[in-house]
C-alpha atoms as a PDB file:
ATOM      1  CA  MET A   1     111.082  82.783 117.270  1.00  0.00           C
ATOM      2  CA  GLY A   2     107.631  82.522 116.306  1.00  0.00           C
ATOM      3  CA  THR A   3     105.582  80.310 114.475  1.00  0.00           C
ATOM      4  CA  LEU A   4     103.597  80.561 111.389  1.00  0.00           C
ATOM      5  CA  THR A   5     100.918  78.328 109.794  1.00  0.00           C
ATOM      6  CA  ILE A   6      99.581  78.476 106.400  1.00  0.00           C
ATOM      7  CA  ARG A   7      96.352  77.087 105.906  1.00  0.00           C
ATOM      8  CA  GLN A   8      94.451  76.663 102.099  1.00  0.00           C
ATOM      9  CA  LEU A   9      98.059  77.304 100.421  1.00  0.00           C
ATOM     10  CA  ASP A  10      97.119  77.377  96.803  1.00  0.00           C
ATOM     11  CA  GLU A  11      98.540  73.752  95.096  1.00  0.00           C
ATOM     12  CA  ARG A  12     100.241  76.282  92.157  1.00  0.00           C
ATOM     13  CA  THR A  13     102.184  79.160  95.391  1.00  0.00           C
ATOM     14  CA  HIS A  14     103.213  75.992  97.401  1.00  0.00           C
ATOM     15  CA  ALA A  15     105.020  74.299  93.640  1.00  0.00           C
ATOM     16  CA  ARG A  16     106.199  77.440  92.963  1.00  0.00           C
ATOM     17  CA  LEU A  17     107.921  78.108  96.245  1.00  0.00           C
ATOM     18  CA  ARG A  18     109.579  74.706  96.522  1.00  0.00           C
ATOM     19  CA  GLY A  19     110.587  75.469  92.793  1.00  0.00           C
ATOM     20  CA  ARG A  20     112.346  78.963  93.795  1.00  0.00           C
ATOM     21  CA  ALA A  21     113.558  77.014  97.287  1.00  0.00           C
ATOM     22  CA  ALA A  22     115.609  74.389  95.316  1.00  0.00           C
ATOM     23  CA  LYS A  23     116.702  76.896  92.512  1.00  0.00           C
ATOM     24  CA  HIS A  24     118.482  78.729  95.695  1.00  0.00           C
ATOM     25  CA  GLY A  25     119.288  75.353  97.570  1.00  0.00           C
ATOM     26  CA  ARG A  26     117.318  75.926 100.708  1.00  0.00           C
ATOM     27  CA  SER A  27     114.284  73.764 101.972  1.00  0.00           C
ATOM     28  CA  VAL A  28     110.613  75.013 101.380  1.00  0.00           C
ATOM     29  CA  GLU A  29     110.099  76.436 104.757  1.00  0.00           C
ATOM     30  CA  ALA A  30     113.729  78.371 104.290  1.00  0.00           C
ATOM     31  CA  GLU A  31     112.980  80.034 101.426  1.00  0.00           C
ATOM     32  CA  VAL A  32     109.623  81.190 102.905  1.00  0.00           C
ATOM     33  CA  ARG A  33     111.431  82.562 105.541  1.00  0.00           C
ATOM     34  CA  ALA A  34     114.022  84.657 103.081  1.00  0.00           C
ATOM     35  CA  ILE A  35     111.287  85.662 101.343  1.00  0.00           C
ATOM     36  CA  LEU A  36     109.002  87.072 104.844  1.00  0.00           C
ATOM     37  CA  ASP A  37     112.280  88.522 106.023  1.00  0.00           C
ATOM     38  CA  ALA A  38     113.212  90.693 102.584  1.00  0.00           C
ATOM     39  CA  THR A  39     109.797  92.206 102.229  1.00  0.00           C
ATOM     40  CA  VAL A  40     109.145  93.363 106.019  1.00  0.00           C
ATOM     41  CA  ASP A  41     112.805  94.924 105.826  1.00  0.00           C
ATOM     42  CA  LEU A  42     111.062  97.267 102.660  1.00  0.00           C
ATOM     43  CA  PRO A  43     111.254 101.167 103.619  1.00  0.00           C
ATOM     44  CA  GLU A  44     107.466 102.086 104.230  1.00  0.00           C
ATOM     45  CA  GLU A  45     108.270 104.205 101.466  1.00  0.00           C
ATOM     46  CA  ASN A  46     110.303 104.775  98.306  1.00  0.00           C
ATOM     47  CA  PHE A  47     113.002 107.790  99.369  1.00  0.00           C
ATOM     48  CA  LEU A  48     113.375 108.840  96.299  1.00  0.00           C
ATOM     49  CA  LEU A  49     109.523 109.429  95.382  1.00  0.00           C
ATOM     50  CA  ALA A  50     109.619 111.006  99.083  1.00  0.00           C
ATOM     51  CA  LEU A  51     112.748 113.802  98.461  1.00  0.00           C
ATOM     52  CA  ARG A  52     110.606 114.062  95.252  1.00  0.00           C
ATOM     53  CA  ALA A  53     107.278 114.805  96.923  1.00  0.00           C
ATOM     54  CA  ALA A  54     109.414 116.588  99.628  1.00  0.00           C
ATOM     55  CA  MET A  55     111.424 119.470  97.453  1.00  0.00           C
ATOM     56  CA  SER A  56     108.138 119.859  94.591  1.00  0.00           C
ATOM     57  CA  GLU A  57     106.331 121.268  97.927  1.00  0.00           C
ATOM     58  CA  ILE A  58     109.124 123.994  98.065  1.00  0.00           C
ATOM     59  CA  GLY A  59     108.562 124.671  94.178  1.00  0.00           C
ATOM     60  CA  GLY A  60     111.271 122.346  93.515  1.00  0.00           C
ATOM     61  CA  VAL A  61     115.295 122.097  92.539  1.00  0.00           C
ATOM     62  CA  ASP A  62     116.686 123.471  88.861  1.00  0.00           C
ATOM     63  CA  VAL A  63     120.074 121.167  88.461  1.00  0.00           C
ATOM     64  CA  PRO A  64     122.202 122.716  86.085  1.00  0.00           C
ATOM     65  CA  LEU A  65     123.764 119.899  83.694  1.00  0.00           C
ATOM     66  CA  GLU A  66     127.182 120.879  81.925  1.00  0.00           C
ATOM     67  CA  SER A  67     126.217 119.600  78.221  1.00  0.00           C
ATOM     68  CA  ARG A  68     128.974 116.681  77.113  1.00  0.00           C
ATOM     69  CA  THR A  69     132.032 117.946  75.221  1.00  0.00           C
ATOM     70  CA  ASP A  70     133.578 114.293  75.143  1.00  0.00           C
ATOM     71  CA  LEU A  71     132.993 111.924  72.549  1.00  0.00           C
ATOM     72  CA  PRO A  72     132.283 108.425  73.197  1.00  0.00           C
ATOM     73  CA  ARG A  73     134.677 105.853  73.112  1.00  0.00           C
ATOM     74  CA  SER A  74     135.049 103.124  70.806  1.00  0.00           C
ATOM     75  CA  VAL A  75     134.399  99.585  71.798  1.00  0.00           C
ATOM     76  CA  GLU A  76     136.512  96.184  70.602  1.00  0.00           C
ATOM     77  CA  LEU A  77     134.332  93.257  70.548  1.00  0.00           C
ATOM     78  CA  THR A  78     136.142  90.402  69.797  1.00  0.00           C
END
């Protein structure tokens, strides 16, 4: 495992990290690891935007939509 040192971290940022860590029941170090893990696992490109771009290159795709004929259901709030 690697080690990462962050120098000159703004005190406000550190305080927000402490609050976020407390909210999630973790240490600040564990919270930063979780943030970094979640961030680097994000895809480089949004899949839906990539699909849209690919389809627009071939002129797009028409998807037929059927009109709705059923009425909305009633809701009982108690």
